[in-house]
């Protein structure tokens, strides 16, 4: 087995692994977007309160 084949196997295996939390990549992406939305709303509220 050549080094290139070994690297392809490692890449393929890592692509098939589920994310460490939430079980699927779409759930993880949704959680990140939801967290971003909450942060934006929070900063907006704080800005309106203290301006």
PDB file of N, CA and C in Angstrom:
ATOM      1  N   UNK A   1       0.859  -1.186   0.000  1.00  0.00           N
ATOM      2  CA  UNK A   1       0.000   0.000   0.000  1.00  0.00           C
ATOM      3  C   UNK A   1       0.898   1.240   0.000  1.00  0.00           C
ATOM      4  N   UNK A   2       0.614   2.144  -0.897  1.00  0.00           N
ATOM      5  CA  UNK A   2       1.420   3.358  -0.992  1.00  0.00           C
ATOM      6  C   UNK A   2       0.933   4.392   0.019  1.00  0.00           C
ATOM      7  N   UNK A   3       1.760   5.380   0.341  1.00  0.00           N
ATOM      8  CA  UNK A   3       1.349   6.422   1.301  1.00  0.00           C
ATOM      9  C   UNK A   3       0.081   7.156   0.869  1.00  0.00           C
ATOM     10  N   UNK A   4      -0.102   7.366  -0.432  1.00  0.00           N
ATOM     11  CA  UNK A   4      -1.294   8.048  -0.917  1.00  0.00           C
ATOM     12  C   UNK A   4      -2.558   7.259  -0.624  1.00  0.00           C
ATOM     13  N   UNK A   5      -2.484   5.935  -0.787  1.00  0.00           N
ATOM     14  CA  UNK A   5      -3.649   5.087  -0.496  1.00  0.00           C
ATOM     15  C   UNK A   5      -3.974   5.120   0.993  1.00  0.00           C
ATOM     16  N   UNK A   6      -2.945   5.116   1.815  1.00  0.00           N
ATOM     17  CA  UNK A   6      -3.137   5.159   3.262  1.00  0.00           C
ATOM     18  C   UNK A   6      -3.817   6.463   3.672  1.00  0.00           C
ATOM     19  N   UNK A   7      -3.437   7.562   3.059  1.00  0.00           N
ATOM     20  CA  UNK A   7      -4.033   8.858   3.370  1.00  0.00           C
ATOM     21  C   UNK A   7      -5.495   8.875   2.931  1.00  0.00           C
ATOM     22  N   UNK A   8      -5.798   8.302   1.766  1.00  0.00           N
ATOM     23  CA  UNK A   8      -7.182   8.252   1.291  1.00  0.00           C
ATOM     24  C   UNK A   8      -8.063   7.451   2.241  1.00  0.00           C
ATOM     25  N   UNK A   9      -7.540   6.362   2.782  1.00  0.00           N
ATOM     26  CA  UNK A   9      -8.315   5.560   3.731  1.00  0.00           C
ATOM     27  C   UNK A   9      -8.598   6.356   4.998  1.00  0.00           C
ATOM     28  N   UNK A  10      -7.613   7.077   5.499  1.00  0.00           N
ATOM     29  CA  UNK A  10      -7.791   7.875   6.715  1.00  0.00           C
ATOM     30  C   UNK A  10      -8.810   8.978   6.485  1.00  0.00           C
ATOM     31  N   UNK A  11      -8.753   9.598   5.318  1.00  0.00           N
ATOM     32  CA  UNK A  11      -9.702  10.667   4.998  1.00  0.00           C
ATOM     33  C   UNK A  11     -11.110  10.111   4.902  1.00  0.00           C
ATOM     34  N   UNK A  12     -11.268   8.978   4.250  1.00  0.00           N
ATOM     35  CA  UNK A  12     -12.589   8.365   4.089  1.00  0.00           C
ATOM     36  C   UNK A  12     -13.173   7.987   5.447  1.00  0.00           C
ATOM     37  N   UNK A  13     -12.356   7.426   6.319  1.00  0.00           N
ATOM     38  CA  UNK A  13     -12.840   7.048   7.643  1.00  0.00           C
ATOM     39  C   UNK A  13     -13.270   8.269   8.444  1.00  0.00           C
ATOM     40  N   UNK A  14     -12.502   9.344   8.389  1.00  0.00           N
ATOM     41  CA  UNK A  14     -12.842  10.526   9.170  1.00  0.00           C
ATOM     42  C   UNK A  14     -14.083  11.209   8.616  1.00  0.00           C
ATOM     43  N   UNK A  15     -14.346  11.115   7.309  1.00  0.00           N
ATOM     44  CA  UNK A  15     -15.545  11.712   6.728  1.00  0.00           C
ATOM     45  C   UNK A  15     -16.804  10.974   7.168  1.00  0.00           C
ATOM     46  N   UNK A  16     -16.688   9.701   7.484  1.00  0.00           N
ATOM     47  CA  UNK A  16     -17.844   8.902   7.858  1.00  0.00           C
ATOM     48  C   UNK A  16     -18.152   8.958   9.349  1.00  0.00           C
ATOM     49  N   UNK A  17     -17.254   9.503  10.138  1.00  0.00           N
ATOM     50  CA  UNK A  17     -17.467   9.568  11.583  1.00  0.00           C
ATOM     51  C   UNK A  17     -18.538  10.592  11.914  1.00  0.00           C
ATOM     52  N   UNK A  18     -19.427  10.277  12.857  1.00  0.00           N
ATOM     53  CA  UNK A  18     -20.402  11.282  13.283  1.00  0.00           C
ATOM     54  C   UNK A  18     -19.717  12.337  14.145  1.00  0.00           C
ATOM     55  N   UNK A  19     -20.334  13.505  14.288  1.00  0.00           N
ATOM     56  CA  UNK A  19     -19.735  14.525  15.143  1.00  0.00           C
ATOM     57  C   UNK A  19     -19.754  14.069  16.601  1.00  0.00           C
ATOM     58  N   UNK A  20     -18.888  14.639  17.425  1.00  0.00           N
ATOM     59  CA  UNK A  20     -18.803  14.201  18.824  1.00  0.00           C
ATOM     60  C   UNK A  20     -20.050  14.524  19.650  1.00  0.00           C
ATOM     61  N   UNK A  21     -20.849  15.513  19.232  1.00  0.00           N
ATOM     62  CA  UNK A  21     -22.075  15.845  19.955  1.00  0.00           C
ATOM     63  C   UNK A  21     -23.242  15.898  18.984  1.00  0.00           C
ATOM     64  N   UNK A  22     -24.436  15.653  19.470  1.00  0.00           N
ATOM     65  CA  UNK A  22     -25.699  15.750  18.744  1.00  0.00           C
ATOM     66  C   UNK A  22     -25.921  14.676  17.681  1.00  0.00           C
ATOM     67  N   UNK A  23     -24.951  13.830  17.416  1.00  0.00           N
ATOM     68  CA  UNK A  23     -25.171  12.663  16.576  1.00  0.00           C
ATOM     69  C   UNK A  23     -25.078  12.838  15.070  1.00  0.00           C
ATOM     70  N   UNK A  24     -25.526  13.958  14.498  1.00  0.00           N
ATOM     71  CA  UNK A  24     -25.424  14.166  13.057  1.00  0.00           C
ATOM     72  C   UNK A  24     -24.908  15.557  12.766  1.00  0.00           C
ATOM     73  N   UNK A  25     -24.294  15.702  11.596  1.00  0.00           N
ATOM     74  CA  UNK A  25     -23.750  17.007  11.217  1.00  0.00           C
ATOM     75  C   UNK A  25     -24.834  18.064  11.043  1.00  0.00           C
ATOM     76  N   UNK A  26     -25.975  17.751  10.424  1.00  0.00           N
ATOM     77  CA  UNK A  26     -27.012  18.797  10.320  1.00  0.00           C
ATOM     78  C   UNK A  26     -27.486  19.317  11.676  1.00  0.00           C
ATOM     79  N   UNK A  27     -27.596  18.449  12.666  1.00  0.00           N
ATOM     80  CA  UNK A  27     -27.979  18.901  14.016  1.00  0.00           C
ATOM     81  C   UNK A  27     -26.918  19.813  14.612  1.00  0.00           C
ATOM     82  N   UNK A  28     -25.664  19.470  14.397  1.00  0.00           N
ATOM     83  CA  UNK A  28     -24.573  20.299  14.912  1.00  0.00           C
ATOM     84  C   UNK A  28     -24.574  21.666  14.239  1.00  0.00           C
ATOM     85  N   UNK A  29     -24.758  21.696  12.912  1.00  0.00           N
ATOM     86  CA  UNK A  29     -24.828  22.974  12.189  1.00  0.00           C
ATOM     87  C   UNK A  29     -26.013  23.807  12.670  1.00  0.00           C
ATOM     88  N   UNK A  30     -27.155  23.160  12.892  1.00  0.00           N
ATOM     89  CA  UNK A  30     -28.339  23.878  13.377  1.00  0.00           C
ATOM     90  C   UNK A  30     -28.074  24.469  14.761  1.00  0.00           C
ATOM     91  N   UNK A  31     -27.396  23.721  15.623  1.00  0.00           N
ATOM     92  CA  UNK A  31     -27.089  24.214  16.960  1.00  0.00           C
ATOM     93  C   UNK A  31     -26.151  25.425  16.892  1.00  0.00           C
ATOM     94  N   UNK A  32     -25.173  25.382  16.000  1.00  0.00           N
ATOM     95  CA  UNK A  32     -24.254  26.509  15.846  1.00  0.00           C
ATOM     96  C   UNK A  32     -25.010  27.738  15.352  1.00  0.00           C
ATOM     97  N   UNK A  33     -25.876  27.562  14.358  1.00  0.00           N
ATOM     98  CA  UNK A  33     -26.658  28.688  13.839  1.00  0.00           C
ATOM     99  C   UNK A  33     -27.621  29.234  14.890  1.00  0.00           C
ATOM    100  N   UNK A  34     -28.230  28.359  15.656  1.00  0.00           N
ATOM    101  CA  UNK A  34     -29.119  28.797  16.722  1.00  0.00           C
ATOM    102  C   UNK A  34     -28.342  29.590  17.778  1.00  0.00           C
ATOM    103  N   UNK A  35     -27.170  29.122  18.132  1.00  0.00           N
ATOM    104  CA  UNK A  35     -26.332  29.849  19.086  1.00  0.00           C
ATOM    105  C   UNK A  35     -25.945  31.222  18.557  1.00  0.00           C
ATOM    106  N   UNK A  36     -25.639  31.301  17.271  1.00  0.00           N
ATOM    107  CA  UNK A  36     -25.314  32.585  16.658  1.00  0.00           C
ATOM    108  C   UNK A  36     -26.519  33.524  16.699  1.00  0.00           C
ATOM    109  N   UNK A  37     -27.691  33.007  16.392  1.00  0.00           N
ATOM    110  CA  UNK A  37     -28.907  33.815  16.421  1.00  0.00           C
ATOM    111  C   UNK A  37     -29.191  34.337  17.836  1.00  0.00           C
ATOM    112  N   UNK A  38     -29.043  33.483  18.828  1.00  0.00           N
ATOM    113  CA  UNK A  38     -29.254  33.902  20.218  1.00  0.00           C
ATOM    114  C   UNK A  38     -28.259  34.998  20.597  1.00  0.00           C
ATOM    115  N   UNK A  39     -27.030  34.845  20.187  1.00  0.00           N
ATOM    116  CA  UNK A  39     -26.009  35.846  20.501  1.00  0.00           C
ATOM    117  C   UNK A  39     -26.324  37.190  19.833  1.00  0.00           C
ATOM    118  N   UNK A  40     -26.768  37.151  18.587  1.00  0.00           N
ATOM    119  CA  UNK A  40     -27.119  38.386  17.880  1.00  0.00           C
ATOM    120  C   UNK A  40     -28.275  39.089  18.584  1.00  0.00           C
ATOM    121  N   UNK A  41     -29.308  38.327  18.945  1.00  0.00           N
ATOM    122  CA  UNK A  41     -30.461  38.913  19.637  1.00  0.00           C
ATOM    123  C   UNK A  41     -30.031  39.480  20.987  1.00  0.00           C
ATOM    124  N   UNK A  42     -29.219  38.766  21.709  1.00  0.00           N
ATOM    125  CA  UNK A  42     -28.738  39.232  23.004  1.00  0.00           C
ATOM    126  C   UNK A  42     -27.961  40.542  22.877  1.00  0.00           C
ATOM    127  N   UNK A  43     -27.060  40.623  21.912  1.00  0.00           N
ATOM    128  CA  UNK A  43     -26.312  41.858  21.705  1.00  0.00           C
ATOM    129  C   UNK A  43     -27.238  43.000  21.286  1.00  0.00           C
ATOM    130  N   UNK A  44     -28.237  42.710  20.501  1.00  0.00           N
ATOM    131  CA  UNK A  44     -29.198  43.739  20.095  1.00  0.00           C
ATOM    132  C   UNK A  44     -29.947  44.279  21.319  1.00  0.00           C
ATOM    133  N   UNK A  45     -30.429  43.387  22.170  1.00  0.00           N
ATOM    134  CA  UNK A  45     -31.161  43.794  23.370  1.00  0.00           C
ATOM    135  C   UNK A  45     -30.271  44.622  24.287  1.00  0.00           C
ATOM    136  N   UNK A  46     -29.051  44.174  24.510  1.00  0.00           N
ATOM    137  CA  UNK A  46     -28.132  44.915  25.385  1.00  0.00           C
ATOM    138  C   UNK A  46     -27.828  46.287  24.787  1.00  0.00           C
ATOM    139  N   UNK A  47     -27.658  46.354  23.479  1.00  0.00           N
ATOM    140  CA  UNK A  47     -27.395  47.638  22.825  1.00  0.00           C
ATOM    141  C   UNK A  47     -28.570  48.592  22.996  1.00  0.00           C
ATOM    142  N   UNK A  48     -29.785  48.084  22.834  1.00  0.00           N
ATOM    143  CA  UNK A  48     -30.973  48.943  22.979  1.00  0.00           C
ATOM    144  C   UNK A  48     -31.151  49.387  24.430  1.00  0.00           C
ATOM    145  N   UNK A  49     -30.858  48.535  25.381  1.00  0.00           N
ATOM    146  CA  UNK A  49     -31.015  48.875  26.803  1.00  0.00           C
ATOM    147  C   UNK A  49     -30.032  49.958  27.240  1.00  0.00           C
ATOM    148  N   UNK A  50     -28.810  49.918  26.743  1.00  0.00           N
ATOM    149  CA  UNK A  50     -27.773  50.821  27.228  1.00  0.00           C
ATOM    150  C   UNK A  50     -27.432  51.951  26.268  1.00  0.00           C
ATOM    151  N   UNK A  51     -28.283  52.191  25.287  1.00  0.00           N
ATOM    152  CA  UNK A  51     -27.992  53.310  24.378  1.00  0.00           C
ATOM    153  C   UNK A  51     -28.823  54.527  24.698  1.00  0.00           C
TER     154      UNK A  51
END
